[in-house]
Amino acid sequence: MSPLKKIFEKQLLHLLYLMLLLAGLFLFSNLDGFRQGGLWGVETITWLYLLVGITVIHQVFVWFCWRTELYAGWLSRWLGHRAFAVYALLFFLLIVSRPLFITFLAIANKDTIPINHTVRVILVILLAAPSIYLMYSIARYFGFKRAFGIDHFDSSYKGKPLVKKGIFRYTSNGMYVFGLLILWMPGVLFSSLTALAGALFSHIYIWVHYCCTEKPDMGFIYGQRSPMGGAARDRQEVSSNPF
């Protein structure tokens, strides 16, 4: 398969899944309270559009950078040794913006579902616990460079063993199973119907990324199709230094 075909492998399927998710979100918008509220003069539905836009931009950005570097080396040719650093900075800004914007959405749409305050607090704690453990496991066992996808930039990562420590003792795909739980917390905390719908969209869409982009890439990088590939970066034993 040519590099260009590899870059676009399964991306029509990605687009189809995205259209289905957007259609599902549109159906949710007919529920009572979904469009209720606003923040700083911005309506709830606009905050939702911003959240969805950032989510799609983030995942398309990752697809473009990973695939063009892995199969054609474009970023390295354009940016030289700074390629991964530039990518990682933009990745960081995008990934941080997602919980930020879903929090704004939750505040705008607060109190649109009946959840007792005590129950909310308990649920937030239950959601936070595995997210915190995941961050610890990333930092302790294979580093944030790995989490950002350096294996698409650096061929020396090829063939490294699976990490089976920390949270990865329980799942080979800790990133996607537990990492996005943080996006559910604002909707629970502020009892926001629309924020919970946004979290559901985001959590399903990350699995679209896994199926259509990451899993095929892992077959190329590691020479096998890992059944839970994702956490493509849940591979390799490294020092305790996360960078």
C-alpha atoms as a PDB file:
ATOM      1  CA  MET A   1       0.000   0.000   0.000  1.00  0.00           C
ATOM      2  CA  SER A   2       1.369   3.434  -0.929  1.00  0.00           C
ATOM      3  CA  PRO A   3       2.172   5.966   1.850  1.00  0.00           C
ATOM      4  CA  LEU A   4      -0.770   8.139   0.802  1.00  0.00           C
ATOM      5  CA  LYS A   5      -3.173   5.204   1.034  1.00  0.00           C
ATOM      6  CA  LYS A   6      -1.752   4.271   4.442  1.00  0.00           C
ATOM      7  CA  ILE A   7      -2.250   7.847   5.654  1.00  0.00           C
ATOM      8  CA  PHE A   8      -5.944   7.705   4.729  1.00  0.00           C
ATOM      9  CA  GLU A   9      -6.508   4.082   5.736  1.00  0.00           C
ATOM     10  CA  LYS A  10      -9.941   3.721   7.440  1.00  0.00           C
ATOM     11  CA  GLN A  11     -10.540   7.483   7.467  1.00  0.00           C
ATOM     12  CA  LEU A  12     -13.760   7.186   5.453  1.00  0.00           C
ATOM     13  CA  LEU A  13     -14.959   4.869   8.201  1.00  0.00           C
ATOM     14  CA  HIS A  14     -13.813   7.481  10.722  1.00  0.00           C
ATOM     15  CA  LEU A  15     -15.922  10.088   8.915  1.00  0.00           C
ATOM     16  CA  LEU A  16     -18.951   7.778   8.835  1.00  0.00           C
ATOM     17  CA  TYR A  17     -18.748   7.117  12.575  1.00  0.00           C
ATOM     18  CA  LEU A  18     -18.356  10.836  13.232  1.00  0.00           C
ATOM     19  CA  MET A  19     -21.484  11.617  11.210  1.00  0.00           C
ATOM     20  CA  LEU A  20     -23.423   8.998  13.186  1.00  0.00           C
ATOM     21  CA  LEU A  21     -22.216  10.455  16.491  1.00  0.00           C
ATOM     22  CA  LEU A  22     -23.182  13.969  15.430  1.00  0.00           C
ATOM     23  CA  ALA A  23     -26.618  12.680  14.408  1.00  0.00           C
ATOM     24  CA  GLY A  24     -26.995  11.064  17.826  1.00  0.00           C
ATOM     25  CA  LEU A  25     -26.028  14.302  19.524  1.00  0.00           C
ATOM     26  CA  PHE A  26     -28.640  16.124  17.453  1.00  0.00           C
ATOM     27  CA  LEU A  27     -31.294  13.677  18.701  1.00  0.00           C
ATOM     28  CA  PHE A  28     -30.194  14.355  22.291  1.00  0.00           C
ATOM     29  CA  SER A  29     -30.726  18.058  21.674  1.00  0.00           C
ATOM     30  CA  ASN A  30     -34.502  17.501  21.675  1.00  0.00           C
ATOM     31  CA  LEU A  31     -34.481  16.531  25.360  1.00  0.00           C
ATOM     32  CA  ASP A  32     -35.904  18.980  27.880  1.00  0.00           C
ATOM     33  CA  GLY A  33     -33.208  21.179  29.368  1.00  0.00           C
ATOM     34  CA  PHE A  34     -30.602  20.369  26.722  1.00  0.00           C
ATOM     35  CA  ARG A  35     -30.423  23.949  25.409  1.00  0.00           C
ATOM     36  CA  GLN A  36     -31.146  25.601  28.737  1.00  0.00           C
ATOM     37  CA  GLY A  37     -28.809  28.215  30.203  1.00  0.00           C
ATOM     38  CA  GLY A  38     -25.709  30.107  29.195  1.00  0.00           C
ATOM     39  CA  LEU A  39     -22.410  31.467  30.480  1.00  0.00           C
ATOM     40  CA  TRP A  40     -20.810  34.895  29.890  1.00  0.00           C
ATOM     41  CA  GLY A  41     -23.499  35.707  27.343  1.00  0.00           C
ATOM     42  CA  VAL A  42     -22.799  32.522  25.353  1.00  0.00           C
ATOM     43  CA  GLU A  43     -25.690  30.062  25.006  1.00  0.00           C
ATOM     44  CA  THR A  44     -25.365  26.453  26.117  1.00  0.00           C
ATOM     45  CA  ILE A  45     -25.702  25.103  22.591  1.00  0.00           C
ATOM     46  CA  THR A  46     -22.803  27.309  21.454  1.00  0.00           C
ATOM     47  CA  TRP A  47     -20.584  25.912  24.223  1.00  0.00           C
ATOM     48  CA  LEU A  48     -21.525  22.438  22.997  1.00  0.00           C
ATOM     49  CA  TYR A  49     -20.581  23.355  19.420  1.00  0.00           C
ATOM     50  CA  LEU A  50     -17.218  24.663  20.675  1.00  0.00           C
ATOM     51  CA  LEU A  51     -16.598  21.473  22.647  1.00  0.00           C
ATOM     52  CA  VAL A  52     -17.452  19.224  19.712  1.00  0.00           C
ATOM     53  CA  GLY A  53     -15.346  21.353  17.375  1.00  0.00           C
ATOM     54  CA  ILE A  54     -12.296  21.155  19.642  1.00  0.00           C
ATOM     55  CA  THR A  55     -12.773  17.399  20.065  1.00  0.00           C
ATOM     56  CA  VAL A  56     -12.895  16.790  16.324  1.00  0.00           C
ATOM     57  CA  ILE A  57      -9.966  19.147  15.646  1.00  0.00           C
ATOM     58  CA  HIS A  58      -7.908  17.364  18.309  1.00  0.00           C
ATOM     59  CA  GLN A  59      -8.478  13.886  16.936  1.00  0.00           C
ATOM     60  CA  VAL A  60      -8.055  14.904  13.293  1.00  0.00           C
ATOM     61  CA  PHE A  61      -4.847  16.713  14.280  1.00  0.00           C
ATOM     62  CA  VAL A  62      -3.511  13.541  15.908  1.00  0.00           C
ATOM     63  CA  TRP A  63      -4.460  11.442  12.881  1.00  0.00           C
ATOM     64  CA  PHE A  64      -2.724  13.865  10.498  1.00  0.00           C
ATOM     65  CA  CYS A  65       0.473  14.152  12.541  1.00  0.00           C
ATOM     66  CA  TRP A  66       0.753  10.474  13.376  1.00  0.00           C
ATOM     67  CA  ARG A  67       0.028   9.157   9.914  1.00  0.00           C
ATOM     68  CA  THR A  68       2.029  11.682   7.874  1.00  0.00           C
ATOM     69  CA  GLU A  69       5.047  11.217  10.135  1.00  0.00           C
ATOM     70  CA  LEU A  70       4.802   7.446  10.440  1.00  0.00           C
ATOM     71  CA  TYR A  71       4.306   6.695   6.751  1.00  0.00           C
ATOM     72  CA  ALA A  72       5.915   9.675   4.998  1.00  0.00           C
ATOM     73  CA  GLY A  73       8.098  11.510   7.540  1.00  0.00           C
ATOM     74  CA  TRP A  74       6.543  14.858   6.593  1.00  0.00           C
ATOM     75  CA  LEU A  75       6.799  16.547   9.990  1.00  0.00           C
ATOM     76  CA  SER A  76      10.454  15.650  10.397  1.00  0.00           C
ATOM     77  CA  ARG A  77      11.205  17.023   6.943  1.00  0.00           C
ATOM     78  CA  TRP A  78       9.347  20.260   7.676  1.00  0.00           C
ATOM     79  CA  LEU A  79      10.446  20.801  11.293  1.00  0.00           C
ATOM     80  CA  GLY A  80      13.586  18.711  11.679  1.00  0.00           C
ATOM     81  CA  HIS A  81      14.440  17.544  15.192  1.00  0.00           C
ATOM     82  CA  ARG A  82      11.751  19.852  16.606  1.00  0.00           C
ATOM     83  CA  ALA A  83       8.920  17.862  14.976  1.00  0.00           C
ATOM     84  CA  PHE A  84       7.800  15.929  18.031  1.00  0.00           C
ATOM     85  CA  ALA A  85       8.210  18.911  20.367  1.00  0.00           C
ATOM     86  CA  VAL A  86       5.989  21.112  18.175  1.00  0.00           C
ATOM     87  CA  TYR A  87       3.409  18.351  17.820  1.00  0.00           C
ATOM     88  CA  ALA A  88       3.456  17.626  21.577  1.00  0.00           C
ATOM     89  CA  LEU A  89       2.922  21.292  22.469  1.00  0.00           C
ATOM     90  CA  LEU A  90      -0.122  21.568  20.196  1.00  0.00           C
ATOM     91  CA  PHE A  91      -1.397  18.204  21.414  1.00  0.00           C
ATOM     92  CA  PHE A  92      -1.111  19.383  25.017  1.00  0.00           C
ATOM     93  CA  LEU A  93      -2.997  22.619  24.334  1.00  0.00           C
ATOM     94  CA  LEU A  94      -5.803  20.728  22.596  1.00  0.00           C
ATOM     95  CA  ILE A  95      -6.136  18.011  25.212  1.00  0.00           C
ATOM     96  CA  VAL A  96      -6.215  20.533  28.064  1.00  0.00           C
ATOM     97  CA  SER A  97      -8.867  22.602  26.290  1.00  0.00           C
ATOM     98  CA  ARG A  98     -11.321  19.683  26.274  1.00  0.00           C
ATOM     99  CA  PRO A  99     -11.991  19.416  30.050  1.00  0.00           C
ATOM    100  CA  LEU A 100     -11.876  23.219  30.207  1.00  0.00           C
ATOM    101  CA  PHE A 101     -14.625  23.690  27.625  1.00  0.00           C
ATOM    102  CA  ILE A 102     -16.771  20.879  28.985  1.00  0.00           C
ATOM    103  CA  THR A 103     -16.591  22.600  32.380  1.00  0.00           C
ATOM    104  CA  PHE A 104     -17.810  25.860  30.815  1.00  0.00           C
ATOM    105  CA  LEU A 105     -20.611  23.878  29.169  1.00  0.00           C
ATOM    106  CA  ALA A 106     -21.576  22.223  32.463  1.00  0.00           C
ATOM    107  CA  ILE A 107     -21.732  25.560  34.283  1.00  0.00           C
ATOM    108  CA  ALA A 108     -23.846  27.072  31.499  1.00  0.00           C
ATOM    109  CA  ASN A 109     -26.288  24.149  31.619  1.00  0.00           C
ATOM    110  CA  LYS A 110     -26.185  23.415  35.351  1.00  0.00           C
ATOM    111  CA  ASP A 111     -29.091  21.903  37.299  1.00  0.00           C
ATOM    112  CA  THR A 112     -30.811  20.409  34.251  1.00  0.00           C
ATOM    113  CA  ILE A 113     -30.969  16.891  35.707  1.00  0.00           C
ATOM    114  CA  PRO A 114     -32.017  15.955  39.252  1.00  0.00           C
ATOM    115  CA  ILE A 115     -29.005  14.550  41.098  1.00  0.00           C
ATOM    116  CA  ASN A 116     -28.669  14.782  44.866  1.00  0.00           C
ATOM    117  CA  HIS A 117     -25.606  16.792  45.980  1.00  0.00           C
ATOM    118  CA  THR A 118     -24.188  13.924  48.046  1.00  0.00           C
ATOM    119  CA  VAL A 119     -24.600  11.505  45.150  1.00  0.00           C
ATOM    120  CA  ARG A 120     -22.836  13.975  42.857  1.00  0.00           C
ATOM    121  CA  VAL A 121     -19.855  14.223  45.178  1.00  0.00           C
ATOM    122  CA  ILE A 122     -19.605  10.436  45.507  1.00  0.00           C
ATOM    123  CA  LEU A 123     -19.779   9.975  41.732  1.00  0.00           C
ATOM    124  CA  VAL A 124     -17.096  12.610  41.119  1.00  0.00           C
ATOM    125  CA  ILE A 125     -14.786  10.870  43.606  1.00  0.00           C
ATOM    126  CA  LEU A 126     -15.420   7.524  41.896  1.00  0.00           C
ATOM    127  CA  LEU A 127     -14.614   9.067  38.513  1.00  0.00           C
ATOM    128  CA  ALA A 128     -11.536  10.896  39.785  1.00  0.00           C
ATOM    129  CA  ALA A 129      -9.887   7.913  41.481  1.00  0.00           C
ATOM    130  CA  PRO A 130      -9.045   5.859  38.349  1.00  0.00           C
ATOM    131  CA  SER A 131      -8.132   9.032  36.427  1.00  0.00           C
ATOM    132  CA  ILE A 132      -5.572   9.970  39.084  1.00  0.00           C
ATOM    133  CA  TYR A 133      -4.223   6.413  39.179  1.00  0.00           C
ATOM    134  CA  LEU A 134      -3.909   6.483  35.384  1.00  0.00           C
ATOM    135  CA  MET A 135      -1.844   9.700  35.500  1.00  0.00           C
ATOM    136  CA  TYR A 136       0.405   8.147  38.148  1.00  0.00           C
ATOM    137  CA  SER A 137       0.820   4.979  36.061  1.00  0.00           C
ATOM    138  CA  ILE A 138       1.710   6.977  32.956  1.00  0.00           C
ATOM    139  CA  ALA A 139       4.307   9.052  34.801  1.00  0.00           C
ATOM    140  CA  ARG A 140       5.751   6.095  36.720  1.00  0.00           C
ATOM    141  CA  TYR A 141       5.900   3.375  34.089  1.00  0.00           C
ATOM    142  CA  PHE A 142       6.301   4.737  30.585  1.00  0.00           C
ATOM    143  CA  GLY A 143       6.210   8.523  30.410  1.00  0.00           C
ATOM    144  CA  PHE A 144       4.128  11.225  28.831  1.00  0.00           C
ATOM    145  CA  LYS A 145       6.137  11.263  25.629  1.00  0.00           C
ATOM    146  CA  ARG A 146       4.901   7.751  25.100  1.00  0.00           C
ATOM    147  CA  ALA A 147       1.362   8.804  25.958  1.00  0.00           C
ATOM    148  CA  PHE A 148       1.534  11.581  23.349  1.00  0.00           C
ATOM    149  CA  GLY A 149       2.559   9.125  20.627  1.00  0.00           C
ATOM    150  CA  ILE A 150       6.324   9.390  20.230  1.00  0.00           C
ATOM    151  CA  ASP A 151       6.345   5.844  18.839  1.00  0.00           C
ATOM    152  CA  HIS A 152       5.044   7.377  15.592  1.00  0.00           C
ATOM    153  CA  PHE A 153       8.111   9.637  15.459  1.00  0.00           C
ATOM    154  CA  ASP A 154      10.921   7.495  16.871  1.00  0.00           C
ATOM    155  CA  SER A 155      11.570   4.054  15.378  1.00  0.00           C
ATOM    156  CA  SER A 156      13.563   2.983  18.441  1.00  0.00           C
ATOM    157  CA  TYR A 157      10.262   2.301  20.210  1.00  0.00           C
ATOM    158  CA  LYS A 158       9.536  -0.548  17.815  1.00  0.00           C
ATOM    159  CA  GLY A 159       9.182  -3.930  19.455  1.00  0.00           C
ATOM    160  CA  LYS A 160       9.132  -2.741  23.058  1.00  0.00           C
ATOM    161  CA  PRO A 161       7.271  -4.983  25.535  1.00  0.00           C
ATOM    162  CA  LEU A 162       3.860  -4.303  27.011  1.00  0.00           C
ATOM    163  CA  VAL A 163       3.679  -2.485  30.326  1.00  0.00           C
ATOM    164  CA  LYS A 164       1.837  -4.556  32.901  1.00  0.00           C
ATOM    165  CA  LYS A 165       2.226  -2.356  35.948  1.00  0.00           C
ATOM    166  CA  GLY A 166       0.056   0.196  37.665  1.00  0.00           C
ATOM    167  CA  ILE A 167      -3.384   0.538  36.121  1.00  0.00           C
ATOM    168  CA  PHE A 168      -2.187  -1.419  33.083  1.00  0.00           C
ATOM    169  CA  ARG A 169      -2.276  -4.608  35.131  1.00  0.00           C
ATOM    170  CA  TYR A 170      -6.064  -4.423  34.775  1.00  0.00           C
ATOM    171  CA  THR A 171      -6.456  -3.204  31.192  1.00  0.00           C
ATOM    172  CA  SER A 172      -4.139  -2.874  28.210  1.00  0.00           C
ATOM    173  CA  ASN A 173      -6.016   0.255  27.153  1.00  0.00           C
ATOM    174  CA  GLY A 174      -6.001   2.422  30.240  1.00  0.00           C
ATOM    175  CA  MET A 175      -5.793   5.643  28.247  1.00  0.00           C
ATOM    176  CA  TYR A 176      -9.193   5.317  26.630  1.00  0.00           C
ATOM    177  CA  VAL A 177     -10.993   3.331  29.330  1.00  0.00           C
ATOM    178  CA  PHE A 178     -10.047   5.635  32.210  1.00  0.00           C
ATOM    179  CA  GLY A 179      -8.435   8.756  30.741  1.00  0.00           C
ATOM    180  CA  LEU A 180     -11.658  10.311  29.503  1.00  0.00           C
ATOM    181  CA  LEU A 181     -13.518   9.806  32.788  1.00  0.00           C
ATOM    182  CA  ILE A 182     -12.334  13.311  33.625  1.00  0.00           C
ATOM    183  CA  LEU A 183     -14.742  14.616  30.973  1.00  0.00           C
ATOM    184  CA  TRP A 184     -17.719  13.151  32.842  1.00  0.00           C
ATOM    185  CA  MET A 185     -16.899  14.911  36.096  1.00  0.00           C
ATOM    186  CA  PRO A 186     -18.128  18.461  35.259  1.00  0.00           C
ATOM    187  CA  GLY A 187     -21.498  17.189  34.032  1.00  0.00           C
ATOM    188  CA  VAL A 188     -21.978  15.171  37.214  1.00  0.00           C
ATOM    189  CA  LEU A 189     -20.733  17.942  39.500  1.00  0.00           C
ATOM    190  CA  PHE A 190     -23.004  20.602  37.986  1.00  0.00           C
ATOM    191  CA  SER A 191     -25.921  18.255  37.143  1.00  0.00           C
ATOM    192  CA  SER A 192     -25.687  19.184  33.459  1.00  0.00           C
ATOM    193  CA  LEU A 193     -27.531  17.131  30.876  1.00  0.00           C
ATOM    194  CA  THR A 194     -25.701  18.705  27.936  1.00  0.00           C
ATOM    195  CA  ALA A 195     -22.259  18.281  29.484  1.00  0.00           C
ATOM    196  CA  LEU A 196     -22.972  14.587  30.071  1.00  0.00           C
ATOM    197  CA  ALA A 197     -24.050  14.255  26.436  1.00  0.00           C
ATOM    198  CA  GLY A 198     -20.804  15.967  25.411  1.00  0.00           C
ATOM    199  CA  ALA A 199     -18.807  13.561  27.586  1.00  0.00           C
ATOM    200  CA  LEU A 200     -20.579  10.575  26.023  1.00  0.00           C
ATOM    201  CA  PHE A 201     -19.824  11.903  22.529  1.00  0.00           C
ATOM    202  CA  SER A 202     -16.165  12.416  23.441  1.00  0.00           C
ATOM    203  CA  HIS A 203     -15.743   9.006  25.036  1.00  0.00           C
ATOM    204  CA  ILE A 204     -17.268   7.148  22.100  1.00  0.00           C
ATOM    205  CA  TYR A 205     -15.340   9.245  19.584  1.00  0.00           C
ATOM    206  CA  ILE A 206     -11.970   8.381  21.152  1.00  0.00           C
ATOM    207  CA  TRP A 207     -12.750   4.734  20.371  1.00  0.00           C
ATOM    208  CA  VAL A 208     -13.381   5.730  16.756  1.00  0.00           C
ATOM    209  CA  HIS A 209      -9.832   7.108  16.798  1.00  0.00           C
ATOM    210  CA  TYR A 210      -8.575   3.834  18.220  1.00  0.00           C
ATOM    211  CA  CYS A 211     -10.335   1.636  15.651  1.00  0.00           C
ATOM    212  CA  CYS A 212      -9.641   3.791  12.600  1.00  0.00           C
ATOM    213  CA  THR A 213      -6.214   5.253  13.335  1.00  0.00           C
ATOM    214  CA  GLU A 214      -4.337   3.822  16.286  1.00  0.00           C
ATOM    215  CA  LYS A 215      -5.004   0.120  15.899  1.00  0.00           C
ATOM    216  CA  PRO A 216      -3.847   0.005  12.238  1.00  0.00           C
ATOM    217  CA  ASP A 217      -0.781   2.055  13.174  1.00  0.00           C
ATOM    218  CA  MET A 218       0.142  -0.411  15.899  1.00  0.00           C
ATOM    219  CA  GLY A 219       0.070  -3.200  13.364  1.00  0.00           C
ATOM    220  CA  PHE A 220       2.627  -1.266  11.313  1.00  0.00           C
ATOM    221  CA  ILE A 221       4.838  -0.188  14.222  1.00  0.00           C
ATOM    222  CA  TYR A 222       4.868  -3.426  16.195  1.00  0.00           C
ATOM    223  CA  GLY A 223       4.162  -5.929  13.452  1.00  0.00           C
ATOM    224  CA  GLN A 224       0.997  -7.217  15.059  1.00  0.00           C
ATOM    225  CA  ARG A 225      -2.628  -6.261  15.618  1.00  0.00           C
ATOM    226  CA  SER A 226      -2.969  -6.023  19.357  1.00  0.00           C
ATOM    227  CA  PRO A 227      -6.536  -6.879  20.432  1.00  0.00           C
ATOM    228  CA  MET A 228      -6.640  -3.804  22.649  1.00  0.00           C
ATOM    229  CA  GLY A 229      -3.856  -2.027  20.856  1.00  0.00           C
ATOM    230  CA  GLY A 230      -4.685   1.381  22.129  1.00  0.00           C
ATOM    231  CA  ALA A 231      -3.022   2.262  24.249  1.00  0.00           C
ATOM    232  CA  ALA A 232      -0.586   1.819  21.707  1.00  0.00           C
ATOM    233  CA  ARG A 233       1.598   3.591  24.083  1.00  0.00           C
ATOM    234  CA  ASP A 234       0.834   1.135  26.845  1.00  0.00           C
ATOM    235  CA  ARG A 235       3.989  -0.562  25.633  1.00  0.00           C
ATOM    236  CA  GLN A 236       7.539  -0.425  26.868  1.00  0.00           C
ATOM    237  CA  GLU A 237       9.232  -0.346  30.197  1.00  0.00           C
ATOM    238  CA  VAL A 238      11.068   2.894  30.821  1.00  0.00           C
ATOM    239  CA  SER A 239      12.617   4.750  33.699  1.00  0.00           C
ATOM    240  CA  SER A 240      10.520   6.509  36.335  1.00  0.00           C
ATOM    241  CA  ASN A 241      11.277   9.826  34.675  1.00  0.00           C
ATOM    242  CA  PRO A 242       8.132  10.665  32.637  1.00  0.00           C
ATOM    243  CA  PHE A 243      10.178  12.532  30.027  1.00  0.00           C
END
